[in-house]
PDB file of N, CA and C in Angstrom:
ATOM      1  N   UNK A   1      69.350  73.154 102.426  1.00  0.00           N
ATOM      2  CA  UNK A   1      69.873  73.774 101.375  1.00  0.00           C
ATOM      3  C   UNK A   1      70.858  74.726 101.549  1.00  0.00           C
ATOM      4  N   UNK A   2      70.725  75.224 103.116  1.00  0.00           N
ATOM      5  CA  UNK A   2      71.259  76.483 102.853  1.00  0.00           C
ATOM      6  C   UNK A   2      72.667  76.538 103.356  1.00  0.00           C
ATOM      7  N   UNK A   3      73.113  74.694 103.789  1.00  0.00           N
ATOM      8  CA  UNK A   3      74.683  74.432 103.964  1.00  0.00           C
ATOM      9  C   UNK A   3      75.414  74.736 102.793  1.00  0.00           C
ATOM     10  N   UNK A   4      74.793  74.291 101.727  1.00  0.00           N
ATOM     11  CA  UNK A   4      76.064  73.909 100.770  1.00  0.00           C
ATOM     12  C   UNK A   4      76.358  75.520 100.146  1.00  0.00           C
ATOM     13  N   UNK A   5      75.405  76.998 100.033  1.00  0.00           N
ATOM     14  CA  UNK A   5      76.391  77.690  99.161  1.00  0.00           C
ATOM     15  C   UNK A   5      77.141  78.481 100.661  1.00  0.00           C
ATOM     16  N   UNK A   6      76.484  78.668 102.039  1.00  0.00           N
ATOM     17  CA  UNK A   6      77.690  78.458 102.898  1.00  0.00           C
ATOM     18  C   UNK A   6      78.978  78.001 102.862  1.00  0.00           C
ATOM     19  N   UNK A   7      78.846  77.420 102.693  1.00  0.00           N
ATOM     20  CA  UNK A   7      80.036  75.776 102.286  1.00  0.00           C
ATOM     21  C   UNK A   7      81.081  76.672 101.713  1.00  0.00           C
ATOM     22  N   UNK A   8      80.532  77.052  99.822  1.00  0.00           N
ATOM     23  CA  UNK A   8      80.824  77.060  98.880  1.00  0.00           C
ATOM     24  C   UNK A   8      81.315  78.505  99.158  1.00  0.00           C
ATOM     25  N   UNK A   9      81.052  79.106  99.682  1.00  0.00           N
ATOM     26  CA  UNK A   9      81.500  80.983 100.627  1.00  0.00           C
ATOM     27  C   UNK A   9      82.584  80.695 101.064  1.00  0.00           C
ATOM     28  N   UNK A  10      82.471  80.108 102.074  1.00  0.00           N
ATOM     29  CA  UNK A  10      83.829  79.606 103.197  1.00  0.00           C
ATOM     30  C   UNK A  10      84.953  78.926 102.297  1.00  0.00           C
ATOM     31  N   UNK A  11      84.776  78.185 101.516  1.00  0.00           N
ATOM     32  CA  UNK A  11      85.506  77.517 100.569  1.00  0.00           C
ATOM     33  C   UNK A  11      86.428  78.650  99.602  1.00  0.00           C
ATOM     34  N   UNK A  12      85.653  79.706  99.285  1.00  0.00           N
ATOM     35  CA  UNK A  12      86.187  80.689  98.366  1.00  0.00           C
ATOM     36  C   UNK A  12      86.950  81.625  99.368  1.00  0.00           C
ATOM     37  N   UNK A  13      86.769  82.120 100.604  1.00  0.00           N
ATOM     38  CA  UNK A  13      87.517  82.715 101.404  1.00  0.00           C
ATOM     39  C   UNK A  13      88.664  81.770 101.573  1.00  0.00           C
ATOM     40  N   UNK A  14      88.606  80.577 102.000  1.00  0.00           N
ATOM     41  CA  UNK A  14      89.522  79.949 102.387  1.00  0.00           C
ATOM     42  C   UNK A  14      90.678  79.848 101.229  1.00  0.00           C
ATOM     43  N   UNK A  15      90.267  80.198 100.377  1.00  0.00           N
ATOM     44  CA  UNK A  15      91.127  79.449  99.107  1.00  0.00           C
ATOM     45  C   UNK A  15      91.818  80.892  98.669  1.00  0.00           C
ATOM     46  N   UNK A  16      90.596  82.413  99.007  1.00  0.00           N
ATOM     47  CA  UNK A  16      91.579  83.113  98.626  1.00  0.00           C
ATOM     48  C   UNK A  16      92.700  83.866 100.008  1.00  0.00           C
ATOM     49  N   UNK A  17      92.277  83.558 101.199  1.00  0.00           N
ATOM     50  CA  UNK A  17      93.123  83.651 102.010  1.00  0.00           C
ATOM     51  C   UNK A  17      94.416  82.812 102.062  1.00  0.00           C
ATOM     52  N   UNK A  18      94.338  81.657 101.643  1.00  0.00           N
ATOM     53  CA  UNK A  18      95.720  80.789 101.178  1.00  0.00           C
ATOM     54  C   UNK A  18      96.434  81.460 100.154  1.00  0.00           C
ATOM     55  N   UNK A  19      96.070  81.913  99.146  1.00  0.00           N
ATOM     56  CA  UNK A  19      96.720  82.730  97.820  1.00  0.00           C
ATOM     57  C   UNK A  19      97.124  83.995  98.280  1.00  0.00           C
ATOM     58  N   UNK A  20      96.271  84.720  99.306  1.00  0.00           N
ATOM     59  CA  UNK A  20      97.000  85.986  99.769  1.00  0.00           C
ATOM     60  C   UNK A  20      97.978  85.333 100.660  1.00  0.00           C
ATOM     61  N   UNK A  21      98.200  84.747 101.302  1.00  0.00           N
ATOM     62  CA  UNK A  21      99.308  84.088 102.088  1.00  0.00           C
ATOM     63  C   UNK A  21     100.347  83.622 101.222  1.00  0.00           C
ATOM     64  N   UNK A  22     100.255  82.747 100.379  1.00  0.00           N
ATOM     65  CA  UNK A  22     101.428  82.308  99.470  1.00  0.00           C
ATOM     66  C   UNK A  22     101.871  83.757  99.244  1.00  0.00           C
ATOM     67  N   UNK A  23     101.139  84.534  98.472  1.00  0.00           N
ATOM     68  CA  UNK A  23     101.665  85.592  98.067  1.00  0.00           C
ATOM     69  C   UNK A  23     102.634  86.584  98.936  1.00  0.00           C
ATOM     70  N   UNK A  24     102.228  87.026  99.813  1.00  0.00           N
ATOM     71  CA  UNK A  24     102.928  87.604 101.029  1.00  0.00           C
ATOM     72  C   UNK A  24     104.133  87.022 101.186  1.00  0.00           C
ATOM     73  N   UNK A  25     104.199  85.339 100.911  1.00  0.00           N
ATOM     74  CA  UNK A  25     105.534  84.781 101.554  1.00  0.00           C
ATOM     75  C   UNK A  25     106.766  84.878 100.606  1.00  0.00           C
ATOM     76  N   UNK A  26     105.878  84.957  99.112  1.00  0.00           N
ATOM     77  CA  UNK A  26     106.845  85.023  98.570  1.00  0.00           C
ATOM     78  C   UNK A  26     107.439  86.214  98.244  1.00  0.00           C
ATOM     79  N   UNK A  27     106.536  87.334  98.767  1.00  0.00           N
ATOM     80  CA  UNK A  27     107.148  88.746  98.407  1.00  0.00           C
ATOM     81  C   UNK A  27     108.169  89.132  99.525  1.00  0.00           C
ATOM     82  N   UNK A  28     107.585  88.196 100.787  1.00  0.00           N
ATOM     83  CA  UNK A  28     108.704  87.957 101.837  1.00  0.00           C
ATOM     84  C   UNK A  28     109.920  87.460 101.840  1.00  0.00           C
ATOM     85  N   UNK A  29     109.837  86.735 101.170  1.00  0.00           N
ATOM     86  CA  UNK A  29     111.050  85.921 100.723  1.00  0.00           C
ATOM     87  C   UNK A  29     111.891  86.514  99.622  1.00  0.00           C
TER      88      UNK A  29
END
């Protein structure tokens, strides 16, 4: 049962990283 919260946290971090990366690419473009 401990894998679910960890997976959720990982997904949140991954989504945040992707959104930040896309925002940075928009600023650079």
